PDB file of all heavy atoms in Angstrom:
ATOM      1  N   ASN A   1     -52.999   4.613  47.554  1.00  0.00           N
ATOM      2  CA  ASN A   1     -53.549   4.283  48.873  1.00  0.00           C
ATOM      3  C   ASN A   1     -54.423   3.039  48.923  1.00  0.00           C
ATOM      4  O   ASN A   1     -54.959   2.724  49.963  1.00  0.00           O
ATOM      5  CB  ASN A   1     -54.328   5.492  49.431  1.00  0.00           C
ATOM      6  CG  ASN A   1     -53.409   6.653  49.748  1.00  0.00           C
ATOM      7  OD1 ASN A   1     -52.325   6.449  50.293  1.00  0.00           O
ATOM      8  ND2 ASN A   1     -53.817   7.850  49.385  1.00  0.00           N
ATOM      9  N   SER A   2     -54.569   2.340  47.811  1.00  0.00           N
ATOM     10  CA  SER A   2     -55.459   1.208  47.766  1.00  0.00           C
ATOM     11  C   SER A   2     -54.689  -0.076  47.406  1.00  0.00           C
ATOM     12  O   SER A   2     -54.082  -0.167  46.351  1.00  0.00           O
ATOM     13  CB  SER A   2     -56.553   1.437  46.729  1.00  0.00           C
ATOM     14  OG  SER A   2     -57.266   0.237  46.472  1.00  0.00           O
ATOM     15  N   LYS A   3     -54.771  -1.053  48.311  1.00  0.00           N
ATOM     16  CA  LYS A   3     -54.143  -2.353  48.013  1.00  0.00           C
ATOM     17  C   LYS A   3     -54.802  -3.017  46.804  1.00  0.00           C
ATOM     18  O   LYS A   3     -54.125  -3.631  45.981  1.00  0.00           O
ATOM     19  CB  LYS A   3     -54.267  -3.291  49.216  1.00  0.00           C
ATOM     20  CG  LYS A   3     -53.430  -2.882  50.405  1.00  0.00           C
ATOM     21  CD  LYS A   3     -53.644  -3.822  51.554  1.00  0.00           C
ATOM     22  CE  LYS A   3     -52.895  -3.341  52.797  1.00  0.00           C
ATOM     23  NZ  LYS A   3     -53.123  -4.209  53.944  1.00  0.00           N
ATOM     24  N   THR A   4     -56.110  -2.886  46.697  1.00  0.00           N
ATOM     25  CA  THR A   4     -56.835  -3.485  45.589  1.00  0.00           C
ATOM     26  C   THR A   4     -56.436  -2.842  44.255  1.00  0.00           C
ATOM     27  O   THR A   4     -56.181  -3.571  43.268  1.00  0.00           O
ATOM     28  CB  THR A   4     -58.353  -3.334  45.793  1.00  0.00           C
ATOM     29  OG1 THR A   4     -58.697  -3.990  47.010  1.00  0.00           O
ATOM     30  CG2 THR A   4     -59.128  -3.934  44.645  1.00  0.00           C
ATOM     31  N   LEU A   5     -56.359  -1.523  44.208  1.00  0.00           N
ATOM     32  CA  LEU A   5     -55.971  -0.863  42.976  1.00  0.00           C
ATOM     33  C   LEU A   5     -54.510  -1.095  42.631  1.00  0.00           C
ATOM     34  O   LEU A   5     -54.158  -1.207  41.449  1.00  0.00           O
ATOM     35  CB  LEU A   5     -56.261   0.638  43.042  1.00  0.00           C
ATOM     36  CG  LEU A   5     -57.762   1.009  43.052  1.00  0.00           C
ATOM     37  CD1 LEU A   5     -57.926   2.511  43.223  1.00  0.00           C
ATOM     38  CD2 LEU A   5     -58.435   0.535  41.798  1.00  0.00           C
ATOM     39  N   GLN A   6     -53.664  -1.239  43.641  1.00  0.00           N
ATOM     40  CA  GLN A   6     -52.273  -1.577  43.383  1.00  0.00           C
ATOM     41  C   GLN A   6     -52.179  -2.952  42.739  1.00  0.00           C
ATOM     42  O   GLN A   6     -51.460  -3.143  41.766  1.00  0.00           O
ATOM     43  CB  GLN A   6     -51.482  -1.552  44.695  1.00  0.00           C
ATOM     44  CG  GLN A   6     -51.145  -0.175  45.214  1.00  0.00           C
ATOM     45  CD  GLN A   6     -50.112   0.512  44.341  1.00  0.00           C
ATOM     46  OE1 GLN A   6     -49.098  -0.069  43.965  1.00  0.00           O
ATOM     47  NE2 GLN A   6     -50.371   1.755  44.026  1.00  0.00           N
ATOM     48  N   LYS A   7     -52.943  -3.912  43.260  1.00  0.00           N
ATOM     49  CA  LYS A   7     -52.932  -5.248  42.717  1.00  0.00           C
ATOM     50  C   LYS A   7     -53.488  -5.252  41.281  1.00  0.00           C
ATOM     51  O   LYS A   7     -52.935  -5.881  40.391  1.00  0.00           O
ATOM     52  CB  LYS A   7     -53.778  -6.177  43.604  1.00  0.00           C
ATOM     53  CG  LYS A   7     -53.642  -7.634  43.282  1.00  0.00           C
ATOM     54  CD  LYS A   7     -54.391  -8.459  44.330  1.00  0.00           C
ATOM     55  CE  LYS A   7     -54.054  -9.901  44.242  1.00  0.00           C
ATOM     56  NZ  LYS A   7     -54.686 -10.701  45.304  1.00  0.00           N
ATOM     57  N   ALA A   8     -54.583  -4.498  41.085  1.00  0.00           N
ATOM     58  CA  ALA A   8     -55.152  -4.413  39.730  1.00  0.00           C
ATOM     59  C   ALA A   8     -54.156  -3.780  38.760  1.00  0.00           C
ATOM     60  O   ALA A   8     -54.048  -4.219  37.608  1.00  0.00           O
ATOM     61  CB  ALA A   8     -56.453  -3.616  39.779  1.00  0.00           C
ATOM     62  N   GLY A   9     -53.460  -2.749  39.210  1.00  0.00           N
ATOM     63  CA  GLY A   9     -52.476  -2.105  38.369  1.00  0.00           C
ATOM     64  C   GLY A   9     -51.325  -3.045  38.006  1.00  0.00           C
ATOM     65  O   GLY A   9     -50.845  -3.039  36.865  1.00  0.00           O
ATOM     66  N   TYR A  10     -50.932  -3.837  38.966  1.00  0.00           N
ATOM     67  CA  TYR A  10     -49.878  -4.827  38.728  1.00  0.00           C
ATOM     68  C   TYR A  10     -50.318  -5.811  37.623  1.00  0.00           C
ATOM     69  O   TYR A  10     -49.596  -6.100  36.691  1.00  0.00           O
ATOM     70  CB  TYR A  10     -49.539  -5.576  40.013  1.00  0.00           C
ATOM     71  CG  TYR A  10     -48.620  -6.732  39.841  1.00  0.00           C
ATOM     72  CD1 TYR A  10     -47.244  -6.552  39.688  1.00  0.00           C
ATOM     73  CD2 TYR A  10     -49.104  -8.032  39.810  1.00  0.00           C
ATOM     74  CE1 TYR A  10     -46.408  -7.616  39.507  1.00  0.00           C
ATOM     75  CE2 TYR A  10     -48.260  -9.116  39.612  1.00  0.00           C
ATOM     76  CZ  TYR A  10     -46.911  -8.898  39.465  1.00  0.00           C
ATOM     77  OH  TYR A  10     -46.058  -9.972  39.285  1.00  0.00           O
ATOM     78  N   PHE A  11     -51.560  -6.328  37.775  1.00  0.00           N
ATOM     79  CA  PHE A  11     -52.096  -7.250  36.792  1.00  0.00           C
ATOM     80  C   PHE A  11     -52.260  -6.571  35.433  1.00  0.00           C
ATOM     81  O   PHE A  11     -51.981  -7.159  34.398  1.00  0.00           O
ATOM     82  CB  PHE A  11     -53.416  -7.861  37.230  1.00  0.00           C
ATOM     83  CG  PHE A  11     -53.289  -8.827  38.361  1.00  0.00           C
ATOM     84  CD1 PHE A  11     -54.147  -8.759  39.446  1.00  0.00           C
ATOM     85  CD2 PHE A  11     -52.336  -9.837  38.357  1.00  0.00           C
ATOM     86  CE1 PHE A  11     -54.036  -9.686  40.480  1.00  0.00           C
ATOM     87  CE2 PHE A  11     -52.219 -10.753  39.383  1.00  0.00           C
ATOM     88  CZ  PHE A  11     -53.076 -10.670  40.462  1.00  0.00           C
ATOM     89  N   ALA A  12     -52.749  -5.334  35.436  1.00  0.00           N
ATOM     90  CA  ALA A  12     -52.948  -4.592  34.174  1.00  0.00           C
ATOM     91  C   ALA A  12     -51.631  -4.415  33.425  1.00  0.00           C
ATOM     92  O   ALA A  12     -51.591  -4.568  32.202  1.00  0.00           O
ATOM     93  CB  ALA A  12     -53.587  -3.240  34.464  1.00  0.00           C
ATOM     94  N   ALA A  13     -50.582  -4.112  34.159  1.00  0.00           N
ATOM     95  CA  ALA A  13     -49.275  -3.909  33.519  1.00  0.00           C
ATOM     96  C   ALA A  13     -48.716  -5.190  32.918  1.00  0.00           C
ATOM     97  O   ALA A  13     -48.013  -5.178  31.927  1.00  0.00           O
ATOM     98  CB  ALA A  13     -48.286  -3.343  34.530  1.00  0.00           C
ATOM     99  N   ALA A  14     -49.118  -6.342  33.496  1.00  0.00           N
ATOM    100  CA  ALA A  14     -48.612  -7.626  33.026  1.00  0.00           C
ATOM    101  C   ALA A  14     -49.509  -8.294  31.983  1.00  0.00           C
ATOM    102  O   ALA A  14     -49.109  -9.293  31.376  1.00  0.00           O
ATOM    103  CB  ALA A  14     -48.447  -8.566  34.238  1.00  0.00           C
ATOM    104  N   MET A  15     -50.704  -7.757  31.765  1.00  0.00           N
ATOM    105  CA  MET A  15     -51.649  -8.396  30.822  1.00  0.00           C
ATOM    106  C   MET A  15     -51.117  -8.342  29.393  1.00  0.00           C
ATOM    107  O   MET A  15     -50.573  -7.314  28.963  1.00  0.00           O
ATOM    108  CB  MET A  15     -53.014  -7.696  30.845  1.00  0.00           C
ATOM    109  CG  MET A  15     -53.846  -8.030  32.029  1.00  0.00           C
ATOM    110  SD  MET A  15     -55.560  -7.450  31.904  1.00  0.00           S
ATOM    111  CE  MET A  15     -55.404  -5.765  31.395  1.00  0.00           C
ATOM    112  N   PRO A  16     -51.339  -9.404  28.649  1.00  0.00           N
ATOM    113  CA  PRO A  16     -50.917  -9.407  27.240  1.00  0.00           C
ATOM    114  C   PRO A  16     -51.945  -8.748  26.338  1.00  0.00           C
ATOM    115  O   PRO A  16     -51.929  -8.957  25.133  1.00  0.00           O
ATOM    116  CB  PRO A  16     -50.778 -10.903  26.933  1.00  0.00           C
ATOM    117  CG  PRO A  16     -51.800 -11.542  27.818  1.00  0.00           C
ATOM    118  CD  PRO A  16     -51.801 -10.716  29.098  1.00  0.00           C
ATOM    119  N   ILE A  17     -52.859  -7.983  26.907  1.00  0.00           N
ATOM    120  CA  ILE A  17     -53.941  -7.364  26.155  1.00  0.00           C
ATOM    121  C   ILE A  17     -53.620  -5.891  25.955  1.00  0.00           C
ATOM    122  O   ILE A  17     -53.226  -5.186  26.886  1.00  0.00           O
ATOM    123  CB  ILE A  17     -55.272  -7.510  26.926  1.00  0.00           C
ATOM    124  CG1 ILE A  17     -55.636  -8.968  27.060  1.00  0.00           C
ATOM    125  CG2 ILE A  17     -56.396  -6.726  26.256  1.00  0.00           C
ATOM    126  CD1 ILE A  17     -56.686  -9.247  28.089  1.00  0.00           C
ATOM    127  N   ASP A  18     -53.830  -5.412  24.744  1.00  0.00           N
ATOM    128  CA  ASP A  18     -53.695  -4.001  24.452  1.00  0.00           C
ATOM    129  C   ASP A  18     -55.080  -3.360  24.587  1.00  0.00           C
ATOM    130  O   ASP A  18     -55.910  -3.490  23.695  1.00  0.00           O
ATOM    131  CB  ASP A  18     -53.164  -3.809  23.016  1.00  0.00           C
ATOM    132  CG  ASP A  18     -53.067  -2.344  22.613  1.00  0.00           C
ATOM    133  OD1 ASP A  18     -53.297  -1.454  23.453  1.00  0.00           O
ATOM    134  OD2 ASP A  18     -52.759  -2.097  21.427  1.00  0.00           O
ATOM    135  N   VAL A  19     -55.328  -2.709  25.727  1.00  0.00           N
ATOM    136  CA  VAL A  19     -56.654  -2.145  25.960  1.00  0.00           C
ATOM    137  C   VAL A  19     -56.970  -0.999  25.033  1.00  0.00           C
ATOM    138  O   VAL A  19     -58.123  -0.567  24.949  1.00  0.00           O
ATOM    139  CB  VAL A  19     -56.848  -1.708  27.436  1.00  0.00           C
ATOM    140  CG1 VAL A  19     -56.730  -2.893  28.376  1.00  0.00           C
ATOM    141  CG2 VAL A  19     -55.880  -0.626  27.822  1.00  0.00           C
ATOM    142  N   MET A  20     -55.999  -0.492  24.330  1.00  0.00           N
ATOM    143  CA  MET A  20     -56.237   0.557  23.344  1.00  0.00           C
ATOM    144  C   MET A  20     -56.664  -0.043  22.009  1.00  0.00           C
ATOM    145  O   MET A  20     -57.110   0.673  21.131  1.00  0.00           O
ATOM    146  CB  MET A  20     -54.994   1.444  23.185  1.00  0.00           C
ATOM    147  CG  MET A  20     -54.573   2.102  24.487  1.00  0.00           C
ATOM    148  SD  MET A  20     -55.898   2.926  25.406  1.00  0.00           S
ATOM    149  CE  MET A  20     -56.174   4.338  24.390  1.00  0.00           C
ATOM    150  N   ASN A  21     -56.568  -1.351  21.864  1.00  0.00           N
ATOM    151  CA  ASN A  21     -57.042  -2.055  20.673  1.00  0.00           C
ATOM    152  C   ASN A  21     -58.502  -2.377  20.946  1.00  0.00           C
ATOM    153  O   ASN A  21     -58.838  -3.131  21.856  1.00  0.00           O
ATOM    154  CB  ASN A  21     -56.204  -3.319  20.439  1.00  0.00           C
ATOM    155  CG  ASN A  21     -56.724  -4.139  19.274  1.00  0.00           C
ATOM    156  OD1 ASN A  21     -57.841  -4.659  19.328  1.00  0.00           O
ATOM    157  ND2 ASN A  21     -55.879  -4.292  18.278  1.00  0.00           N
ATOM    158  N   GLU A  22     -59.395  -1.842  20.123  1.00  0.00           N
ATOM    159  CA  GLU A  22     -60.837  -1.970  20.342  1.00  0.00           C
ATOM    160  C   GLU A  22     -61.289  -3.409  20.477  1.00  0.00           C
ATOM    161  O   GLU A  22     -62.027  -3.771  21.398  1.00  0.00           O
ATOM    162  CB  GLU A  22     -61.577  -1.295  19.187  1.00  0.00           C
ATOM    163  CG  GLU A  22     -63.070  -1.227  19.359  1.00  0.00           C
ATOM    164  CD  GLU A  22     -63.509  -0.254  20.430  1.00  0.00           C
ATOM    165  OE1 GLU A  22     -62.737   0.661  20.779  1.00  0.00           O
ATOM    166  OE2 GLU A  22     -64.640  -0.409  20.914  1.00  0.00           O
ATOM    167  N   ALA A  23     -60.869  -4.290  19.580  1.00  0.00           N
ATOM    168  CA  ALA A  23     -61.308  -5.681  19.610  1.00  0.00           C
ATOM    169  C   ALA A  23     -60.793  -6.411  20.841  1.00  0.00           C
ATOM    170  O   ALA A  23     -61.532  -7.165  21.483  1.00  0.00           O
ATOM    171  CB  ALA A  23     -60.854  -6.395  18.340  1.00  0.00           C
ATOM    172  N   GLU A  24     -59.535  -6.205  21.190  1.00  0.00           N
ATOM    173  CA  GLU A  24     -58.959  -6.846  22.355  1.00  0.00           C
ATOM    174  C   GLU A  24     -59.647  -6.370  23.627  1.00  0.00           C
ATOM    175  O   GLU A  24     -59.952  -7.168  24.527  1.00  0.00           O
ATOM    176  CB  GLU A  24     -57.459  -6.580  22.453  1.00  0.00           C
ATOM    177  CG  GLU A  24     -56.636  -7.346  21.440  1.00  0.00           C
ATOM    178  CD  GLU A  24     -55.153  -7.174  21.649  1.00  0.00           C
ATOM    179  OE1 GLU A  24     -54.694  -7.194  22.817  1.00  0.00           O
ATOM    180  OE2 GLU A  24     -54.439  -7.017  20.646  1.00  0.00           O
ATOM    181  N   PHE A  25     -59.886  -5.055  23.724  1.00  0.00           N
ATOM    182  CA  PHE A  25     -60.531  -4.501  24.900  1.00  0.00           C
ATOM    183  C   PHE A  25     -61.940  -5.067  25.049  1.00  0.00           C
ATOM    184  O   PHE A  25     -62.337  -5.497  26.128  1.00  0.00           O
ATOM    185  CB  PHE A  25     -60.577  -2.980  24.816  1.00  0.00           C
ATOM    186  CG  PHE A  25     -61.331  -2.361  25.964  1.00  0.00           C
ATOM    187  CD1 PHE A  25     -60.746  -2.270  27.213  1.00  0.00           C
ATOM    188  CD2 PHE A  25     -62.633  -1.921  25.812  1.00  0.00           C
ATOM    189  CE1 PHE A  25     -61.432  -1.710  28.285  1.00  0.00           C
ATOM    190  CE2 PHE A  25     -63.324  -1.368  26.886  1.00  0.00           C
ATOM    191  CZ  PHE A  25     -62.728  -1.267  28.126  1.00  0.00           C
ATOM    192  N   LYS A  26     -62.706  -5.052  23.952  1.00  0.00           N
ATOM    193  CA  LYS A  26     -64.084  -5.536  24.028  1.00  0.00           C
ATOM    194  C   LYS A  26     -64.145  -6.991  24.436  1.00  0.00           C
ATOM    195  O   LYS A  26     -64.975  -7.395  25.264  1.00  0.00           O
ATOM    196  CB  LYS A  26     -64.796  -5.321  22.692  1.00  0.00           C
ATOM    197  CG  LYS A  26     -66.282  -5.572  22.790  1.00  0.00           C
ATOM    198  CD  LYS A  26     -66.998  -5.111  21.542  1.00  0.00           C
ATOM    199  CE  LYS A  26     -68.487  -5.343  21.697  1.00  0.00           C
ATOM    200  NZ  LYS A  26     -69.230  -4.887  20.536  1.00  0.00           N
ATOM    201  N   HIS A  27     -63.254  -7.808  23.889  1.00  0.00           N
ATOM    202  CA  HIS A  27     -63.224  -9.238  24.276  1.00  0.00           C
ATOM    203  C   HIS A  27     -62.876  -9.389  25.751  1.00  0.00           C
ATOM    204  O   HIS A  27     -63.544 -10.150  26.490  1.00  0.00           O
ATOM    205  CB  HIS A  27     -62.206  -9.971  23.401  1.00  0.00           C
ATOM    206  CG  HIS A  27     -62.055 -11.415  23.786  1.00  0.00           C
ATOM    207  ND1 HIS A  27     -63.007 -12.368  23.483  1.00  0.00           N
ATOM    208  CD2 HIS A  27     -61.085 -12.065  24.485  1.00  0.00           C
ATOM    209  CE1 HIS A  27     -62.609 -13.530  23.963  1.00  0.00           C
ATOM    210  NE2 HIS A  27     -61.462 -13.378  24.571  1.00  0.00           N
ATOM    211  N   ALA A  28     -61.886  -8.683  26.229  1.00  0.00           N
ATOM    212  CA  ALA A  28     -61.446  -8.800  27.618  1.00  0.00           C
ATOM    213  C   ALA A  28     -62.527  -8.304  28.574  1.00  0.00           C
ATOM    214  O   ALA A  28     -62.824  -8.971  29.576  1.00  0.00           O
ATOM    215  CB  ALA A  28     -60.157  -8.015  27.832  1.00  0.00           C
ATOM    216  N   ILE A  29     -63.128  -7.153  28.283  1.00  0.00           N
ATOM    217  CA  ILE A  29     -64.137  -6.603  29.202  1.00  0.00           C
ATOM    218  C   ILE A  29     -65.401  -7.461  29.211  1.00  0.00           C
ATOM    219  O   ILE A  29     -66.036  -7.653  30.254  1.00  0.00           O
ATOM    220  CB  ILE A  29     -64.444  -5.124  28.864  1.00  0.00           C
ATOM    221  CG1 ILE A  29     -65.087  -4.411  30.078  1.00  0.00           C
ATOM    222  CG2 ILE A  29     -65.338  -4.966  27.670  1.00  0.00           C
ATOM    223  CD1 ILE A  29     -64.140  -4.061  31.149  1.00  0.00           C
ATOM    224  N   THR A  30     -65.712  -8.062  28.082  1.00  0.00           N
ATOM    225  CA  THR A  30     -66.868  -8.950  28.010  1.00  0.00           C
ATOM    226  C   THR A  30     -66.635 -10.205  28.848  1.00  0.00           C
ATOM    227  O   THR A  30     -67.481 -10.603  29.657  1.00  0.00           O
ATOM    228  CB  THR A  30     -67.180  -9.354  26.549  1.00  0.00           C
ATOM    229  OG1 THR A  30     -67.449  -8.156  25.806  1.00  0.00           O
ATOM    230  CG2 THR A  30     -68.352 -10.289  26.457  1.00  0.00           C
ATOM    231  N   THR A  31     -65.459 -10.786  28.696  1.00  0.00           N
ATOM    232  CA  THR A  31     -65.105 -11.984  29.480  1.00  0.00           C
ATOM    233  C   THR A  31     -65.122 -11.684  30.973  1.00  0.00           C
ATOM    234  O   THR A  31     -65.719 -12.459  31.762  1.00  0.00           O
ATOM    235  CB  THR A  31     -63.717 -12.512  29.064  1.00  0.00           C
ATOM    236  OG1 THR A  31     -63.742 -12.810  27.656  1.00  0.00           O
ATOM    237  CG2 THR A  31     -63.328 -13.739  29.859  1.00  0.00           C
ATOM    238  N   CYS A  32     -64.523 -10.587  31.372  1.00  0.00           N
ATOM    239  CA  CYS A  32     -64.495 -10.230  32.801  1.00  0.00           C
ATOM    240  C   CYS A  32     -65.878  -9.958  33.345  1.00  0.00           C
ATOM    241  O   CYS A  32     -66.219 -10.395  34.445  1.00  0.00           O
ATOM    242  CB  CYS A  32     -63.620  -9.001  33.015  1.00  0.00           C
ATOM    243  SG  CYS A  32     -61.847  -9.301  32.768  1.00  0.00           S
ATOM    244  N   THR A  33     -66.701  -9.273  32.576  1.00  0.00           N
ATOM    245  CA  THR A  33     -68.065  -8.943  33.006  1.00  0.00           C
ATOM    246  C   THR A  33     -68.861 -10.234  33.243  1.00  0.00           C
ATOM    247  O   THR A  33     -69.530 -10.374  34.265  1.00  0.00           O
ATOM    248  CB  THR A  33     -68.775  -8.071  31.958  1.00  0.00           C
ATOM    249  OG1 THR A  33     -68.019  -6.861  31.816  1.00  0.00           O
ATOM    250  CG2 THR A  33     -70.175  -7.739  32.370  1.00  0.00           C
ATOM    251  N   ILE A  34     -68.785 -11.149  32.309  1.00  0.00           N
ATOM    252  CA  ILE A  34     -69.512 -12.421  32.427  1.00  0.00           C
ATOM    253  C   ILE A  34     -69.028 -13.207  33.633  1.00  0.00           C
ATOM    254  O   ILE A  34     -69.849 -13.703  34.421  1.00  0.00           O
ATOM    255  CB  ILE A  34     -69.386 -13.249  31.120  1.00  0.00           C
ATOM    256  CG1 ILE A  34     -70.160 -12.553  29.996  1.00  0.00           C
ATOM    257  CG2 ILE A  34     -69.841 -14.675  31.336  1.00  0.00           C
ATOM    258  CD1 ILE A  34     -69.846 -13.109  28.614  1.00  0.00           C
ATOM    259  N   GLU A  35     -67.743 -13.299  33.823  1.00  0.00           N
ATOM    260  CA  GLU A  35     -67.181 -14.080  34.936  1.00  0.00           C
ATOM    261  C   GLU A  35     -67.510 -13.463  36.286  1.00  0.00           C
ATOM    262  O   GLU A  35     -67.814 -14.174  37.251  1.00  0.00           O
ATOM    263  CB  GLU A  35     -65.673 -14.268  34.773  1.00  0.00           C
ATOM    264  CG  GLU A  35     -65.305 -15.154  33.599  1.00  0.00           C
ATOM    265  CD  GLU A  35     -65.961 -16.531  33.620  1.00  0.00           C
ATOM    266  OE1 GLU A  35     -66.018 -17.176  34.678  1.00  0.00           O
ATOM    267  OE2 GLU A  35     -66.460 -16.972  32.547  1.00  0.00           O
ATOM    268  N   ILE A  36     -67.496 -12.144  36.375  1.00  0.00           N
ATOM    269  CA  ILE A  36     -67.865 -11.470  37.637  1.00  0.00           C
ATOM    270  C   ILE A  36     -69.331 -11.712  37.930  1.00  0.00           C
ATOM    271  O   ILE A  36     -69.712 -12.016  39.069  1.00  0.00           O
ATOM    272  CB  ILE A  36     -67.526  -9.976  37.597  1.00  0.00           C
ATOM    273  CG1 ILE A  36     -65.994  -9.797  37.601  1.00  0.00           C
ATOM    274  CG2 ILE A  36     -68.182  -9.230  38.747  1.00  0.00           C
ATOM    275  CD1 ILE A  36     -65.530  -8.377  37.291  1.00  0.00           C
ATOM    276  N   ALA A  37     -70.186 -11.587  36.915  1.00  0.00           N
ATOM    277  CA  ALA A  37     -71.618 -11.829  37.123  1.00  0.00           C
ATOM    278  C   ALA A  37     -71.875 -13.260  37.567  1.00  0.00           C
ATOM    279  O   ALA A  37     -72.687 -13.514  38.473  1.00  0.00           O
ATOM    280  CB  ALA A  37     -72.375 -11.496  35.826  1.00  0.00           C
ATOM    281  N   LYS A  38     -71.205 -14.214  36.943  1.00  0.00           N
ATOM    282  CA  LYS A  38     -71.352 -15.626  37.362  1.00  0.00           C
ATOM    283  C   LYS A  38     -70.924 -15.813  38.808  1.00  0.00           C
ATOM    284  O   LYS A  38     -71.589 -16.546  39.569  1.00  0.00           O
ATOM    285  CB  LYS A  38     -70.495 -16.523  36.472  1.00  0.00           C
ATOM    286  CG  LYS A  38     -71.035 -16.762  35.105  1.00  0.00           C
ATOM    287  CD  LYS A  38     -70.066 -17.700  34.352  1.00  0.00           C
ATOM    288  CE  LYS A  38     -70.448 -18.008  32.966  1.00  0.00           C
ATOM    289  NZ  LYS A  38     -69.448 -18.851  32.290  1.00  0.00           N
ATOM    290  N   ALA A  39     -69.842 -15.172  39.207  1.00  0.00           N
ATOM    291  CA  ALA A  39     -69.353 -15.318  40.596  1.00  0.00           C
ATOM    292  C   ALA A  39     -70.326 -14.691  41.577  1.00  0.00           C
ATOM    293  O   ALA A  39     -70.529 -15.228  42.680  1.00  0.00           O
ATOM    294  CB  ALA A  39     -67.970 -14.680  40.721  1.00  0.00           C
TER     295      ALA A  39
END
């Protein structure tokens, strides 16, 4: 029921990141957190 979550899911499915890999997840979440805070 959410356009935003649908879009996020689309991007998540296409990401080259394995979120189950600890190092990849931590790097990705850190980058996203910093960029959102800057914005």
